[in-house]
Amino acid sequence: MSIQTLSPADQKRQSALAAMPPIERTETDGELRVTHGFRGVNPEQAIRYLEALGGTKVDDRTVEGAGWDARLSTRVVPVGPSYRLTEVRITWTGDPAAVESVVLRFRLKAFRAPG
């Protein structure tokens, strides 16, 4: 998905997402690995989103698509002194163009803005 195929609203969301870098991003031997954390999305929703983006569920933590795979994990993170949230972490690996495309589309789909 290129910037030219994004709606004006998605272009605006993409700009906001650019301010939130990945937890991890590495490229080795032509394979890209990107990890992002998502709050407000549970693992089942994340898998449905990935399936809607062309992936196939392999098990309860893995989805594979054309040129990419995604592995999910969860962890509890503190939000303030007394509140905790579950964060879903997704690590995508695969062909750089395929990974870039699915990560952008997933992030736009899962985008949660305050207010």
N, C-alpha and C. Protein backbone atom coordinates (compact mmCIF):
# COMPACT_ATOMS: atom_id res chain seq x y z
N MET A 1 0.86 -1.17 0.00
CA MET A 1 0.00 0.00 0.00
C MET A 1 0.90 1.22 0.00
N SER A 2 0.74 2.03 -0.98
CA SER A 2 1.56 3.23 -1.07
C SER A 2 0.76 4.43 -0.57
N ILE A 3 1.46 5.51 -0.34
CA ILE A 3 0.81 6.73 0.12
C ILE A 3 -0.23 7.19 -0.89
N GLN A 4 -0.03 6.90 -2.19
CA GLN A 4 -0.98 7.33 -3.21
C GLN A 4 -2.32 6.60 -3.08
N THR A 5 -2.35 5.38 -2.52
CA THR A 5 -3.60 4.64 -2.41
C THR A 5 -4.32 4.88 -1.09
N LEU A 6 -3.74 5.66 -0.21
CA LEU A 6 -4.37 5.96 1.06
C LEU A 6 -5.38 7.09 0.91
N SER A 7 -6.49 6.97 1.62
CA SER A 7 -7.46 8.06 1.65
C SER A 7 -6.83 9.24 2.41
N PRO A 8 -7.37 10.44 2.24
CA PRO A 8 -6.85 11.57 3.00
C PRO A 8 -6.89 11.32 4.52
N ALA A 9 -7.94 10.66 5.00
CA ALA A 9 -8.02 10.36 6.44
C ALA A 9 -6.92 9.40 6.85
N ASP A 10 -6.66 8.37 6.02
CA ASP A 10 -5.60 7.42 6.34
C ASP A 10 -4.22 8.07 6.24
N GLN A 11 -4.05 9.01 5.34
CA GLN A 11 -2.77 9.73 5.26
C GLN A 11 -2.53 10.51 6.55
N LYS A 12 -3.60 11.08 7.10
CA LYS A 12 -3.49 11.82 8.36
C LYS A 12 -3.14 10.85 9.50
N ARG A 13 -3.81 9.69 9.53
CA ARG A 13 -3.51 8.68 10.55
C ARG A 13 -2.07 8.19 10.42
N GLN A 14 -1.62 8.00 9.17
CA GLN A 14 -0.25 7.53 8.95
C GLN A 14 0.75 8.53 9.53
N SER A 15 0.48 9.81 9.37
CA SER A 15 1.36 10.83 9.94
C SER A 15 1.40 10.72 11.46
N ALA A 16 0.25 10.48 12.08
CA ALA A 16 0.21 10.31 13.54
C ALA A 16 0.97 9.05 13.95
N LEU A 17 0.82 7.98 13.19
CA LEU A 17 1.51 6.72 13.51
C LEU A 17 3.02 6.85 13.40
N ALA A 18 3.49 7.72 12.53
CA ALA A 18 4.93 7.90 12.34
C ALA A 18 5.60 8.39 13.62
N ALA A 19 4.83 9.01 14.50
CA ALA A 19 5.37 9.49 15.77
C ALA A 19 5.54 8.36 16.79
N MET A 20 5.02 7.16 16.47
CA MET A 20 5.12 6.01 17.37
C MET A 20 5.99 4.94 16.71
N PRO A 21 7.28 4.95 17.00
CA PRO A 21 8.18 4.00 16.34
C PRO A 21 7.96 2.57 16.81
N PRO A 22 8.45 1.60 16.05
CA PRO A 22 8.32 0.20 16.47
C PRO A 22 9.18 -0.09 17.70
N ILE A 23 8.83 -1.16 18.38
CA ILE A 23 9.63 -1.64 19.51
C ILE A 23 10.95 -2.18 18.98
N GLU A 24 10.88 -2.84 17.85
CA GLU A 24 12.07 -3.42 17.22
C GLU A 24 11.91 -3.32 15.70
N ARG A 25 13.01 -3.08 15.03
CA ARG A 25 13.02 -3.08 13.56
C ARG A 25 14.43 -3.46 13.12
N THR A 26 14.54 -4.60 12.44
CA THR A 26 15.84 -5.05 11.93
C THR A 26 15.64 -5.64 10.54
N GLU A 27 16.67 -5.51 9.73
CA GLU A 27 16.65 -6.14 8.41
C GLU A 27 17.96 -6.88 8.24
N THR A 28 17.86 -8.18 7.99
CA THR A 28 19.03 -9.04 7.84
C THR A 28 18.81 -9.97 6.66
N ASP A 29 19.79 -10.02 5.78
CA ASP A 29 19.75 -10.93 4.63
C ASP A 29 18.43 -10.84 3.86
N GLY A 30 17.94 -9.62 3.66
CA GLY A 30 16.73 -9.42 2.87
C GLY A 30 15.44 -9.73 3.59
N GLU A 31 15.50 -9.99 4.90
CA GLU A 31 14.29 -10.25 5.68
C GLU A 31 14.10 -9.13 6.69
N LEU A 32 12.90 -8.56 6.70
CA LEU A 32 12.57 -7.48 7.63
C LEU A 32 11.84 -8.06 8.83
N ARG A 33 12.19 -7.58 10.01
CA ARG A 33 11.53 -7.98 11.26
C ARG A 33 11.10 -6.70 11.96
N VAL A 34 9.80 -6.58 12.23
CA VAL A 34 9.24 -5.39 12.87
C VAL A 34 8.31 -5.82 14.00
N THR A 35 8.46 -5.20 15.17
CA THR A 35 7.59 -5.49 16.31
C THR A 35 6.92 -4.19 16.76
N HIS A 36 5.60 -4.27 16.93
CA HIS A 36 4.82 -3.15 17.46
C HIS A 36 3.96 -3.67 18.61
N GLY A 37 3.65 -2.80 19.56
CA GLY A 37 2.75 -3.12 20.65
C GLY A 37 1.43 -2.40 20.46
N PHE A 38 0.33 -3.08 20.80
CA PHE A 38 -1.01 -2.51 20.63
C PHE A 38 -1.80 -2.69 21.91
N ARG A 39 -2.35 -1.60 22.39
CA ARG A 39 -3.24 -1.63 23.55
C ARG A 39 -4.65 -1.38 23.05
N GLY A 40 -5.62 -1.98 23.69
CA GLY A 40 -7.00 -1.80 23.26
C GLY A 40 -7.41 -2.79 22.18
N VAL A 41 -6.54 -3.73 21.85
CA VAL A 41 -6.84 -4.79 20.89
C VAL A 41 -6.46 -6.10 21.56
N ASN A 42 -7.38 -7.06 21.59
CA ASN A 42 -7.02 -8.34 22.19
C ASN A 42 -6.47 -9.29 21.11
N PRO A 43 -5.86 -10.40 21.50
CA PRO A 43 -5.25 -11.29 20.49
C PRO A 43 -6.24 -11.79 19.44
N GLU A 44 -7.47 -12.08 19.85
CA GLU A 44 -8.47 -12.57 18.90
C GLU A 44 -8.79 -11.51 17.85
N GLN A 45 -8.93 -10.26 18.28
CA GLN A 45 -9.18 -9.17 17.33
C GLN A 45 -7.99 -9.01 16.40
N ALA A 46 -6.79 -9.05 16.95
CA ALA A 46 -5.59 -8.89 16.13
C ALA A 46 -5.52 -9.98 15.06
N ILE A 47 -5.85 -11.21 15.42
CA ILE A 47 -5.84 -12.30 14.44
C ILE A 47 -6.89 -12.04 13.37
N ARG A 48 -8.09 -11.60 13.76
CA ARG A 48 -9.13 -11.29 12.76
C ARG A 48 -8.67 -10.18 11.82
N TYR A 49 -8.03 -9.14 12.36
CA TYR A 49 -7.51 -8.05 11.53
C TYR A 49 -6.49 -8.60 10.52
N LEU A 50 -5.58 -9.45 11.01
CA LEU A 50 -4.55 -10.01 10.13
C LEU A 50 -5.17 -10.90 9.06
N GLU A 51 -6.20 -11.65 9.42
CA GLU A 51 -6.90 -12.48 8.42
C GLU A 51 -7.58 -11.59 7.38
N ALA A 52 -8.16 -10.48 7.83
CA ALA A 52 -8.81 -9.55 6.90
C ALA A 52 -7.80 -8.90 5.95
N LEU A 53 -6.53 -8.89 6.36
CA LEU A 53 -5.47 -8.32 5.52
C LEU A 53 -4.79 -9.38 4.66
N GLY A 54 -5.40 -10.56 4.56
CA GLY A 54 -4.89 -11.60 3.67
C GLY A 54 -4.15 -12.72 4.34
N GLY A 55 -4.09 -12.73 5.66
CA GLY A 55 -3.38 -13.78 6.37
C GLY A 55 -4.25 -14.99 6.65
N THR A 56 -3.58 -16.09 6.99
CA THR A 56 -4.25 -17.33 7.36
C THR A 56 -3.77 -17.72 8.75
N LYS A 57 -4.71 -17.97 9.64
CA LYS A 57 -4.37 -18.35 11.01
C LYS A 57 -3.73 -19.74 11.01
N VAL A 58 -2.55 -19.84 11.61
CA VAL A 58 -1.83 -21.11 11.72
C VAL A 58 -2.13 -21.74 13.07
N ASP A 59 -2.07 -20.94 14.13
CA ASP A 59 -2.43 -21.37 15.48
C ASP A 59 -2.90 -20.12 16.23
N ASP A 60 -3.08 -20.25 17.54
CA ASP A 60 -3.65 -19.11 18.28
C ASP A 60 -2.69 -17.94 18.46
N ARG A 61 -1.47 -18.04 17.95
CA ARG A 61 -0.50 -16.94 18.05
C ARG A 61 0.24 -16.65 16.75
N THR A 62 -0.12 -17.32 15.66
CA THR A 62 0.62 -17.15 14.40
C THR A 62 -0.34 -17.00 13.23
N VAL A 63 -0.05 -16.02 12.38
CA VAL A 63 -0.80 -15.80 11.14
C VAL A 63 0.23 -15.65 10.02
N GLU A 64 -0.02 -16.32 8.89
CA GLU A 64 0.89 -16.22 7.75
C GLU A 64 0.16 -15.60 6.57
N GLY A 65 0.88 -14.74 5.85
CA GLY A 65 0.35 -14.11 4.66
C GLY A 65 1.36 -14.23 3.53
N ALA A 66 1.04 -13.65 2.39
CA ALA A 66 1.92 -13.70 1.22
C ALA A 66 3.18 -12.88 1.48
N GLY A 67 4.28 -13.56 1.76
CA GLY A 67 5.55 -12.88 1.98
C GLY A 67 5.79 -12.42 3.41
N TRP A 68 4.88 -12.74 4.33
CA TRP A 68 5.05 -12.31 5.72
C TRP A 68 4.43 -13.32 6.67
N ASP A 69 4.90 -13.29 7.91
CA ASP A 69 4.20 -13.99 8.98
C ASP A 69 4.20 -13.08 10.20
N ALA A 70 3.21 -13.30 11.06
CA ALA A 70 3.04 -12.49 12.25
C ALA A 70 2.90 -13.40 13.46
N ARG A 71 3.64 -13.10 14.50
CA ARG A 71 3.57 -13.86 15.75
C ARG A 71 3.13 -12.90 16.86
N LEU A 72 2.14 -13.33 17.62
CA LEU A 72 1.56 -12.51 18.67
C LEU A 72 2.01 -12.98 20.05
N SER A 73 2.19 -12.02 20.93
CA SER A 73 2.42 -12.31 22.35
C SER A 73 1.68 -11.24 23.14
N THR A 74 1.47 -11.50 24.41
CA THR A 74 0.80 -10.52 25.26
C THR A 74 1.62 -10.29 26.52
N ARG A 75 1.43 -9.11 27.07
CA ARG A 75 2.04 -8.79 28.35
C ARG A 75 1.20 -7.72 29.02
N VAL A 76 1.24 -7.69 30.33
CA VAL A 76 0.52 -6.69 31.10
C VAL A 76 1.47 -5.51 31.33
N VAL A 77 0.98 -4.31 31.02
CA VAL A 77 1.81 -3.11 31.16
C VAL A 77 1.13 -2.14 32.12
N PRO A 78 1.92 -1.44 32.94
CA PRO A 78 1.34 -0.46 33.85
C PRO A 78 0.94 0.81 33.09
N VAL A 79 -0.18 1.36 33.49
CA VAL A 79 -0.63 2.66 32.97
C VAL A 79 -0.97 3.48 34.21
N GLY A 80 -0.01 4.27 34.62
CA GLY A 80 -0.19 5.01 35.87
C GLY A 80 0.15 4.12 37.06
N PRO A 81 -0.08 4.63 38.26
CA PRO A 81 0.36 3.91 39.45
C PRO A 81 -0.47 2.68 39.81
N SER A 82 -1.72 2.59 39.36
CA SER A 82 -2.55 1.48 39.82
C SER A 82 -3.33 0.75 38.73
N TYR A 83 -3.18 1.14 37.49
CA TYR A 83 -3.96 0.53 36.42
C TYR A 83 -3.05 -0.26 35.50
N ARG A 84 -3.53 -1.40 35.03
CA ARG A 84 -2.76 -2.26 34.14
C ARG A 84 -3.58 -2.57 32.90
N LEU A 85 -2.91 -2.66 31.77
CA LEU A 85 -3.54 -3.02 30.50
C LEU A 85 -2.80 -4.19 29.88
N THR A 86 -3.52 -4.97 29.09
CA THR A 86 -2.86 -6.01 28.31
C THR A 86 -2.45 -5.42 26.98
N GLU A 87 -1.18 -5.59 26.65
CA GLU A 87 -0.64 -5.14 25.37
C GLU A 87 -0.41 -6.36 24.50
N VAL A 88 -0.89 -6.29 23.27
CA VAL A 88 -0.61 -7.34 22.30
C VAL A 88 0.59 -6.89 21.50
N ARG A 89 1.63 -7.70 21.49
CA ARG A 89 2.81 -7.41 20.67
C ARG A 89 2.77 -8.32 19.46
N ILE A 90 3.01 -7.71 18.30
CA ILE A 90 3.04 -8.48 17.06
C ILE A 90 4.40 -8.28 16.42
N THR A 91 5.04 -9.39 16.09
CA THR A 91 6.31 -9.36 15.37
C THR A 91 6.07 -9.93 13.99
N TRP A 92 6.25 -9.06 12.99
CA TRP A 92 6.13 -9.47 11.60
C TRP A 92 7.52 -9.76 11.05
N THR A 93 7.64 -10.79 10.23
CA THR A 93 8.89 -11.08 9.53
C THR A 93 8.57 -11.46 8.10
N GLY A 94 9.52 -11.19 7.21
CA GLY A 94 9.35 -11.61 5.83
C GLY A 94 9.94 -10.63 4.85
N ASP A 95 9.43 -10.69 3.63
CA ASP A 95 9.85 -9.81 2.55
C ASP A 95 9.61 -8.36 2.96
N PRO A 96 10.62 -7.49 2.85
CA PRO A 96 10.45 -6.11 3.32
C PRO A 96 9.22 -5.39 2.75
N ALA A 97 8.95 -5.51 1.47
CA ALA A 97 7.79 -4.81 0.89
C ALA A 97 6.48 -5.36 1.45
N ALA A 98 6.40 -6.68 1.59
CA ALA A 98 5.18 -7.30 2.12
C ALA A 98 4.97 -6.92 3.58
N VAL A 99 6.05 -6.95 4.36
CA VAL A 99 5.95 -6.60 5.78
C VAL A 99 5.56 -5.13 5.94
N GLU A 100 6.22 -4.24 5.21
CA GLU A 100 5.88 -2.80 5.30
C GLU A 100 4.40 -2.58 5.00
N SER A 101 3.89 -3.24 3.97
CA SER A 101 2.51 -3.05 3.58
C SER A 101 1.54 -3.55 4.65
N VAL A 102 1.74 -4.77 5.13
CA VAL A 102 0.80 -5.33 6.11
C VAL A 102 0.90 -4.60 7.44
N VAL A 103 2.09 -4.18 7.84
CA VAL A 103 2.23 -3.45 9.10
C VAL A 103 1.48 -2.12 9.02
N LEU A 104 1.64 -1.39 7.93
CA LEU A 104 0.93 -0.12 7.78
C LEU A 104 -0.58 -0.35 7.80
N ARG A 105 -1.06 -1.32 7.03
CA ARG A 105 -2.50 -1.56 6.97
C ARG A 105 -3.04 -2.01 8.33
N PHE A 106 -2.28 -2.86 9.05
CA PHE A 106 -2.72 -3.29 10.37
C PHE A 106 -2.77 -2.10 11.33
N ARG A 107 -1.71 -1.30 11.34
CA ARG A 107 -1.67 -0.16 12.25
C ARG A 107 -2.80 0.83 11.97
N LEU A 108 -3.13 1.05 10.71
CA LEU A 108 -4.25 1.94 10.38
C LEU A 108 -5.56 1.34 10.89
N LYS A 109 -5.72 0.04 10.76
CA LYS A 109 -6.94 -0.64 11.20
C LYS A 109 -7.06 -0.62 12.73
N ALA A 110 -5.93 -0.79 13.42
CA ALA A 110 -5.94 -0.88 14.89
C ALA A 110 -5.73 0.46 15.58
N PHE A 111 -5.58 1.53 14.81
CA PHE A 111 -5.27 2.85 15.36
C PHE A 111 -6.32 3.27 16.38
N ARG A 112 -5.86 3.64 17.55
CA ARG A 112 -6.72 4.15 18.61
C ARG A 112 -6.20 5.52 19.00
N ALA A 113 -7.03 6.51 18.83
CA ALA A 113 -6.62 7.88 19.18
C ALA A 113 -7.37 8.32 20.43
N PRO A 114 -6.71 9.07 21.28
CA PRO A 114 -7.41 9.58 22.46
C PRO A 114 -8.45 10.62 22.05
N GLY A 115 -9.48 10.74 22.87
CA GLY A 115 -10.45 11.80 22.65
C GLY A 115 -11.63 11.44 21.91
